[in-house]
C-alpha atoms as a PDB file:
ATOM      1  CA  MET A   1     172.402  18.522 -22.378  1.00  0.00           C
ATOM      2  CA  PRO A   2     169.894  17.850 -25.191  1.00  0.00           C
ATOM      3  CA  SER A   3     172.386  15.957 -27.377  1.00  0.00           C
ATOM      4  CA  ASP A   4     172.988  13.437 -24.548  1.00  0.00           C
ATOM      5  CA  THR A   5     169.242  12.871 -24.301  1.00  0.00           C
ATOM      6  CA  HIS A   6     169.044  12.390 -28.074  1.00  0.00           C
ATOM      7  CA  SER A   7     171.924   9.903 -27.951  1.00  0.00           C
ATOM      8  CA  ALA A   8     170.350   7.902 -25.121  1.00  0.00           C
ATOM      9  CA  ARG A   9     167.003   7.742 -26.926  1.00  0.00           C
ATOM     10  CA  VAL A  10     168.593   6.718 -30.233  1.00  0.00           C
ATOM     11  CA  LEU A  11     170.614   3.964 -28.518  1.00  0.00           C
ATOM     12  CA  ALA A  12     167.491   2.755 -26.679  1.00  0.00           C
ATOM     13  CA  LEU A  13     165.642   2.568 -30.011  1.00  0.00           C
ATOM     14  CA  ALA A  14     168.560   0.666 -31.593  1.00  0.00           C
ATOM     15  CA  ARG A  15     168.429  -1.847 -28.701  1.00  0.00           C
ATOM     16  CA  GLN A  16     164.678  -2.241 -29.178  1.00  0.00           C
ATOM     17  CA  LYS A  17     164.621  -2.525 -32.983  1.00  0.00           C
ATOM     18  CA  GLY A  18     167.934  -4.245 -33.690  1.00  0.00           C
ATOM     19  CA  LEU A  19     168.248  -2.494 -37.040  1.00  0.00           C
ATOM     20  CA  LEU A  20     167.876   1.264 -37.078  1.00  0.00           C
ATOM     21  CA  ARG A  21     167.051   3.289 -40.172  1.00  0.00           C
ATOM     22  CA  ALA A  22     168.029   6.934 -40.378  1.00  0.00           C
ATOM     23  CA  SER A  23     164.328   7.783 -40.826  1.00  0.00           C
ATOM     24  CA  ASP A  24     163.467   6.011 -37.547  1.00  0.00           C
ATOM     25  CA  ILE A  25     165.044   8.738 -35.456  1.00  0.00           C
ATOM     26  CA  ASP A  26     162.820  11.419 -36.993  1.00  0.00           C
ATOM     27  CA  ALA A  27     160.067  10.164 -34.667  1.00  0.00           C
ATOM     28  CA  LEU A  28     162.353  11.005 -31.721  1.00  0.00           C
ATOM     29  CA  ASN A  29     162.821  14.560 -33.024  1.00  0.00           C
ATOM     30  CA  ALA A  30     166.542  13.852 -32.898  1.00  0.00           C
ATOM     31  CA  PRO A  31     168.850  15.359 -35.532  1.00  0.00           C
ATOM     32  CA  ARG A  32     170.388  12.810 -37.887  1.00  0.00           C
ATOM     33  CA  ALA A  33     173.829  14.114 -36.904  1.00  0.00           C
ATOM     34  CA  VAL A  34     173.365  12.060 -33.723  1.00  0.00           C
ATOM     35  CA  LEU A  35     173.809   8.894 -35.867  1.00  0.00           C
ATOM     36  CA  ALA A  36     177.141  10.132 -37.205  1.00  0.00           C
ATOM     37  CA  ARG A  37     178.253  11.134 -33.694  1.00  0.00           C
ATOM     38  CA  LEU A  38     177.299   7.753 -32.169  1.00  0.00           C
ATOM     39  CA  THR A  39     178.990   5.917 -35.059  1.00  0.00           C
ATOM     40  CA  ALA A  40     182.173   7.978 -34.620  1.00  0.00           C
ATOM     41  CA  ALA A  41     182.075   7.251 -30.871  1.00  0.00           C
ATOM     42  CA  GLY A  42     181.807   3.510 -31.591  1.00  0.00           C
ATOM     43  CA  SER A  43     178.348   3.084 -30.013  1.00  0.00           C
ATOM     44  CA  LEU A  44     176.673   2.343 -33.355  1.00  0.00           C
ATOM     45  CA  GLU A  45     177.980   0.751 -36.527  1.00  0.00           C
ATOM     46  CA  LYS A  46     176.799   1.464 -40.018  1.00  0.00           C
ATOM     47  CA  VAL A  47     175.741  -1.727 -41.831  1.00  0.00           C
ATOM     48  CA  GLY A  48     174.435  -0.145 -45.028  1.00  0.00           C
ATOM     49  CA  ARG A  49     173.300   3.149 -46.466  1.00  0.00           C
ATOM     50  CA  GLY A  50     171.064   4.679 -43.788  1.00  0.00           C
ATOM     51  CA  LEU A  51     171.129   1.472 -41.682  1.00  0.00           C
ATOM     52  CA  TYR A  52     172.717   1.200 -38.250  1.00  0.00           C
ATOM     53  CA  ARG A  53     172.925  -1.252 -35.339  1.00  0.00           C
ATOM     54  CA  LEU A  54     174.564  -1.344 -31.919  1.00  0.00           C
ATOM     55  CA  SER A  55     178.302  -1.980 -32.181  1.00  0.00           C
ATOM     56  CA  GLY A  56     179.270  -5.584 -31.633  1.00  0.00           C
ATOM     57  CA  ALA A  57     175.704  -6.864 -31.980  1.00  0.00           C
ATOM     58  CA  GLU A  58     175.468 -10.160 -33.849  1.00  0.00           C
ATOM     59  CA  PRO A  59     173.208  -9.705 -36.879  1.00  0.00           C
ATOM     60  CA  SER A  60     170.034 -11.746 -36.506  1.00  0.00           C
ATOM     61  CA  GLU A  61     168.424 -13.514 -39.449  1.00  0.00           C
ATOM     62  CA  SER A  62     165.590 -10.967 -39.506  1.00  0.00           C
ATOM     63  CA  GLU A  63     168.135  -8.151 -39.449  1.00  0.00           C
ATOM     64  CA  THR A  64     169.976  -9.424 -42.530  1.00  0.00           C
ATOM     65  CA  LEU A  65     166.635  -9.925 -44.309  1.00  0.00           C
ATOM     66  CA  GLY A  66     165.594  -6.431 -43.222  1.00  0.00           C
ATOM     67  CA  THR A  67     168.809  -4.914 -44.574  1.00  0.00           C
ATOM     68  CA  VAL A  68     168.123  -6.341 -48.038  1.00  0.00           C
ATOM     69  CA  ALA A  69     164.365  -5.623 -47.957  1.00  0.00           C
ATOM     70  CA  THR A  70     165.065  -1.968 -47.095  1.00  0.00           C
ATOM     71  CA  ARG A  71     167.698  -1.556 -49.794  1.00  0.00           C
ATOM     72  CA  VAL A  72     165.982  -3.615 -52.521  1.00  0.00           C
ATOM     73  CA  PRO A  73     162.183  -3.244 -52.160  1.00  0.00           C
ATOM     74  CA  GLN A  74     161.517  -5.352 -55.305  1.00  0.00           C
ATOM     75  CA  ALA A  75     163.374  -8.361 -53.890  1.00  0.00           C
ATOM     76  CA  VAL A  76     161.379 -11.442 -52.879  1.00  0.00           C
ATOM     77  CA  PHE A  77     163.242 -13.943 -50.714  1.00  0.00           C
ATOM     78  CA  CYS A  78     163.233 -17.330 -52.403  1.00  0.00           C
ATOM     79  CA  LEU A  79     164.778 -20.806 -52.603  1.00  0.00           C
ATOM     80  CA  LEU A  80     167.095 -21.652 -49.664  1.00  0.00           C
ATOM     81  CA  THR A  81     166.382 -18.376 -47.854  1.00  0.00           C
ATOM     82  CA  ALA A  82     162.613 -18.922 -48.120  1.00  0.00           C
ATOM     83  CA  LEU A  83     163.047 -22.556 -46.978  1.00  0.00           C
ATOM     84  CA  GLN A  84     164.918 -21.298 -43.919  1.00  0.00           C
ATOM     85  CA  PHE A  85     162.239 -18.644 -43.309  1.00  0.00           C
ATOM     86  CA  HIS A  86     159.507 -21.317 -43.361  1.00  0.00           C
ATOM     87  CA  GLU A  87     161.658 -23.673 -41.218  1.00  0.00           C
ATOM     88  CA  LEU A  88     161.793 -26.254 -44.018  1.00  0.00           C
ATOM     89  CA  THR A  89     165.553 -26.776 -43.985  1.00  0.00           C
ATOM     90  CA  THR A  90     168.293 -27.262 -41.447  1.00  0.00           C
ATOM     91  CA  GLN A  91     170.848 -25.833 -43.877  1.00  0.00           C
ATOM     92  CA  LEU A  92     172.221 -22.380 -43.173  1.00  0.00           C
ATOM     93  CA  PRO A  93     172.697 -20.865 -46.626  1.00  0.00           C
ATOM     94  CA  ARG A  94     175.832 -18.759 -47.036  1.00  0.00           C
ATOM     95  CA  HIS A  95     173.929 -16.342 -49.261  1.00  0.00           C
ATOM     96  CA  LEU A  96     170.531 -14.723 -49.171  1.00  0.00           C
ATOM     97  CA  TRP A  97     168.574 -15.845 -52.236  1.00  0.00           C
ATOM     98  CA  ILE A  98     166.353 -13.203 -53.816  1.00  0.00           C
ATOM     99  CA  ALA A  99     164.077 -13.202 -56.849  1.00  0.00           C
ATOM    100  CA  MET A 100     163.900 -10.113 -59.050  1.00  0.00           C
ATOM    101  CA  PRO A 101     161.939  -9.346 -62.231  1.00  0.00           C
ATOM    102  CA  ARG A 102     163.724 -10.384 -65.442  1.00  0.00           C
ATOM    103  CA  GLY A 103     166.099  -7.694 -66.663  1.00  0.00           C
ATOM    104  CA  SER A 104     166.956  -6.472 -63.153  1.00  0.00           C
ATOM    105  CA  HIS A 105     170.551  -5.638 -62.319  1.00  0.00           C
ATOM    106  CA  PRO A 106     172.051  -7.432 -59.321  1.00  0.00           C
ATOM    107  CA  PRO A 107     171.779  -5.087 -56.322  1.00  0.00           C
ATOM    108  CA  ARG A 108     175.048  -3.555 -55.166  1.00  0.00           C
ATOM    109  CA  ILE A 109     175.139  -4.603 -51.530  1.00  0.00           C
ATOM    110  CA  ASP A 110     178.348  -5.353 -49.623  1.00  0.00           C
ATOM    111  CA  TYR A 111     176.613  -7.277 -46.854  1.00  0.00           C
ATOM    112  CA  PRO A 112     174.939  -9.737 -46.600  1.00  0.00           C
ATOM    113  CA  PRO A 113     176.103 -11.771 -49.658  1.00  0.00           C
ATOM    114  CA  ILE A 114     173.312 -12.270 -52.196  1.00  0.00           C
ATOM    115  CA  LYS A 115     172.426 -14.708 -54.954  1.00  0.00           C
ATOM    116  CA  MET A 116     169.840 -13.377 -57.401  1.00  0.00           C
ATOM    117  CA  VAL A 117     167.527 -15.329 -59.695  1.00  0.00           C
ATOM    118  CA  GLN A 118     165.297 -13.654 -62.276  1.00  0.00           C
ATOM    119  CA  PHE A 119     161.629 -14.604 -62.601  1.00  0.00           C
ATOM    120  CA  THR A 120     159.064 -13.426 -65.139  1.00  0.00           C
ATOM    121  CA  GLY A 121     155.315 -12.749 -64.941  1.00  0.00           C
ATOM    122  CA  ASP A 122     153.359 -14.886 -62.468  1.00  0.00           C
ATOM    123  CA  ALA A 123     156.476 -16.840 -61.510  1.00  0.00           C
ATOM    124  CA  TYR A 124     157.716 -13.572 -59.939  1.00  0.00           C
ATOM    125  CA  SER A 125     154.457 -12.072 -58.665  1.00  0.00           C
ATOM    126  CA  ALA A 126     152.492 -15.133 -57.447  1.00  0.00           C
ATOM    127  CA  GLY A 127     152.770 -16.561 -53.948  1.00  0.00           C
ATOM    128  CA  VAL A 128     154.376 -13.513 -52.311  1.00  0.00           C
ATOM    129  CA  GLU A 129     153.738 -13.194 -48.582  1.00  0.00           C
ATOM    130  CA  VAL A 130     154.643 -10.146 -46.505  1.00  0.00           C
ATOM    131  CA  ALA A 131     155.948 -10.581 -42.959  1.00  0.00           C
ATOM    132  CA  MET A 132     157.014  -7.813 -40.599  1.00  0.00           C
ATOM    133  CA  ARG A 133     160.435  -8.214 -38.956  1.00  0.00           C
ATOM    134  CA  ASP A 134     161.869  -5.456 -36.753  1.00  0.00           C
ATOM    135  CA  GLY A 135     159.440  -2.992 -38.332  1.00  0.00           C
ATOM    136  CA  VAL A 136     160.560  -3.871 -41.875  1.00  0.00           C
ATOM    137  CA  ALA A 137     158.244  -5.509 -44.445  1.00  0.00           C
ATOM    138  CA  ILE A 138     159.887  -8.728 -45.670  1.00  0.00           C
ATOM    139  CA  ARG A 139     158.609 -10.155 -48.976  1.00  0.00           C
ATOM    140  CA  VAL A 140     159.028 -13.933 -49.154  1.00  0.00           C
ATOM    141  CA  TYR A 141     157.452 -16.664 -51.276  1.00  0.00           C
ATOM    142  CA  SER A 142     154.939 -18.959 -49.579  1.00  0.00           C
ATOM    143  CA  ALA A 143     156.020 -22.470 -48.613  1.00  0.00           C
ATOM    144  CA  ALA A 144     154.102 -24.003 -51.564  1.00  0.00           C
ATOM    145  CA  LYS A 145     155.626 -21.557 -54.074  1.00  0.00           C
ATOM    146  CA  THR A 146     159.092 -22.126 -52.603  1.00  0.00           C
ATOM    147  CA  VAL A 147     158.808 -25.897 -53.079  1.00  0.00           C
ATOM    148  CA  ALA A 148     157.898 -25.393 -56.758  1.00  0.00           C
ATOM    149  CA  ASP A 149     160.761 -22.889 -57.144  1.00  0.00           C
ATOM    150  CA  CYS A 150     163.196 -25.437 -55.695  1.00  0.00           C
ATOM    151  CA  PHE A 151     162.223 -27.915 -58.426  1.00  0.00           C
ATOM    152  CA  LYS A 152     162.458 -25.177 -61.055  1.00  0.00           C
ATOM    153  CA  HIS A 153     165.994 -24.302 -59.900  1.00  0.00           C
ATOM    154  CA  ARG A 154     167.058 -27.831 -58.892  1.00  0.00           C
ATOM    155  CA  ASN A 155     170.221 -27.448 -61.016  1.00  0.00           C
ATOM    156  CA  LYS A 156     171.277 -24.530 -58.788  1.00  0.00           C
ATOM    157  CA  ILE A 157     170.396 -25.933 -55.367  1.00  0.00           C
ATOM    158  CA  GLY A 158     170.221 -29.703 -55.934  1.00  0.00           C
ATOM    159  CA  LEU A 159     167.327 -32.110 -56.497  1.00  0.00           C
ATOM    160  CA  ASP A 160     167.863 -33.573 -53.000  1.00  0.00           C
ATOM    161  CA  VAL A 161     167.122 -30.148 -51.465  1.00  0.00           C
ATOM    162  CA  ALA A 162     163.943 -29.837 -53.570  1.00  0.00           C
ATOM    163  CA  LEU A 163     162.781 -33.336 -52.560  1.00  0.00           C
ATOM    164  CA  ASP A 164     163.453 -32.659 -48.867  1.00  0.00           C
ATOM    165  CA  ALA A 165     161.558 -29.367 -49.124  1.00  0.00           C
ATOM    166  CA  LEU A 166     158.561 -31.149 -50.669  1.00  0.00           C
ATOM    167  CA  LYS A 167     158.541 -33.888 -47.994  1.00  0.00           C
ATOM    168  CA  ASP A 168     158.980 -31.419 -45.121  1.00  0.00           C
ATOM    169  CA  ALA A 169     156.308 -29.030 -46.428  1.00  0.00           C
ATOM    170  CA  ARG A 170     153.800 -31.894 -46.483  1.00  0.00           C
ATOM    171  CA  ALA A 171     154.927 -33.544 -43.231  1.00  0.00           C
ATOM    172  CA  ARG A 172     154.734 -30.249 -41.340  1.00  0.00           C
ATOM    173  CA  GLU A 173     151.504 -29.235 -43.087  1.00  0.00           C
ATOM    174  CA  LYS A 174     153.039 -26.004 -44.342  1.00  0.00           C
ATOM    175  CA  ALA A 175     151.519 -26.514 -47.820  1.00  0.00           C
ATOM    176  CA  SER A 176     148.762 -28.652 -49.319  1.00  0.00           C
ATOM    177  CA  VAL A 177     149.285 -30.850 -52.387  1.00  0.00           C
ATOM    178  CA  ASP A 178     146.771 -28.641 -54.236  1.00  0.00           C
ATOM    179  CA  ASP A 179     148.728 -25.477 -53.419  1.00  0.00           C
ATOM    180  CA  ILE A 180     152.027 -27.035 -54.455  1.00  0.00           C
ATOM    181  CA  TRP A 181     150.435 -28.303 -57.696  1.00  0.00           C
ATOM    182  CA  HIS A 182     149.038 -24.806 -58.395  1.00  0.00           C
ATOM    183  CA  PHE A 183     152.537 -23.286 -58.186  1.00  0.00           C
ATOM    184  CA  ALA A 184     154.120 -26.216 -60.041  1.00  0.00           C
ATOM    185  CA  LYS A 185     151.986 -25.188 -63.038  1.00  0.00           C
ATOM    186  CA  ILE A 186     152.881 -21.493 -62.671  1.00  0.00           C
ATOM    187  CA  CYS A 187     156.596 -22.392 -62.467  1.00  0.00           C
ATOM    188  CA  ARG A 188     156.208 -24.858 -65.370  1.00  0.00           C
ATOM    189  CA  VAL A 189     157.546 -27.832 -63.434  1.00  0.00           C
ATOM    190  CA  ALA A 190     154.269 -29.798 -63.179  1.00  0.00           C
ATOM    191  CA  ASN A 191     155.607 -32.700 -65.285  1.00  0.00           C
ATOM    192  CA  VAL A 192     158.826 -32.857 -63.261  1.00  0.00           C
ATOM    193  CA  MET A 193     156.979 -32.768 -59.933  1.00  0.00           C
ATOM    194  CA  ARG A 194     154.023 -35.047 -60.792  1.00  0.00           C
ATOM    195  CA  PRO A 195     155.663 -38.396 -59.820  1.00  0.00           C
ATOM    196  CA  TYR A 196     157.016 -36.964 -56.547  1.00  0.00           C
ATOM    197  CA  LEU A 197     153.675 -35.382 -55.632  1.00  0.00           C
ATOM    198  CA  GLU A 198     151.837 -38.609 -56.430  1.00  0.00           C
ATOM    199  CA  SER A 199     154.229 -40.635 -54.274  1.00  0.00           C
ATOM    200  CA  ILE A 200     153.597 -38.475 -51.180  1.00  0.00           C
ATOM    201  CA  GLY A 201     150.003 -37.459 -52.021  1.00  0.00           C
END
């Protein structure tokens, strides 16, 4: 029966991708009703508008990032989430931190929990890297930009976190002093960061 074939192919794709978008099944020439049928049968679960995964599957880090990136294309992952992405922290943040242009409304997303900061001009647009995760483009600030952002928002995340990020970025050669200094000026924290940069330079 064709519907069984469609179901099997959709489930195979969900296993392969982790996070399945409704548009992904168009390539299989499967009707989108298959998603509703598989969800009703308990084989898939809906994790957001047009986003599905296998029932009972533990969400991976890239899956939660992909959920937000798909729903909020303007979002750039920043601060603790970017530190985790660049393996510059052992902390597991309870929220995903995203940067949005000033004046943006907080996105209405049930899951995962989000903390939003608003950046303007170059502070928002500079230092954005794009990484592909499970077929989804993830926008995240570079390690050097993230370190500068941590100093800029040290009142939100703690100066100790910012200092650890700076030390780790240098120790692991994820960012040069010149790069960090470049973003310190863009983020207007050059004076704050100067003594720390000089001490590790």
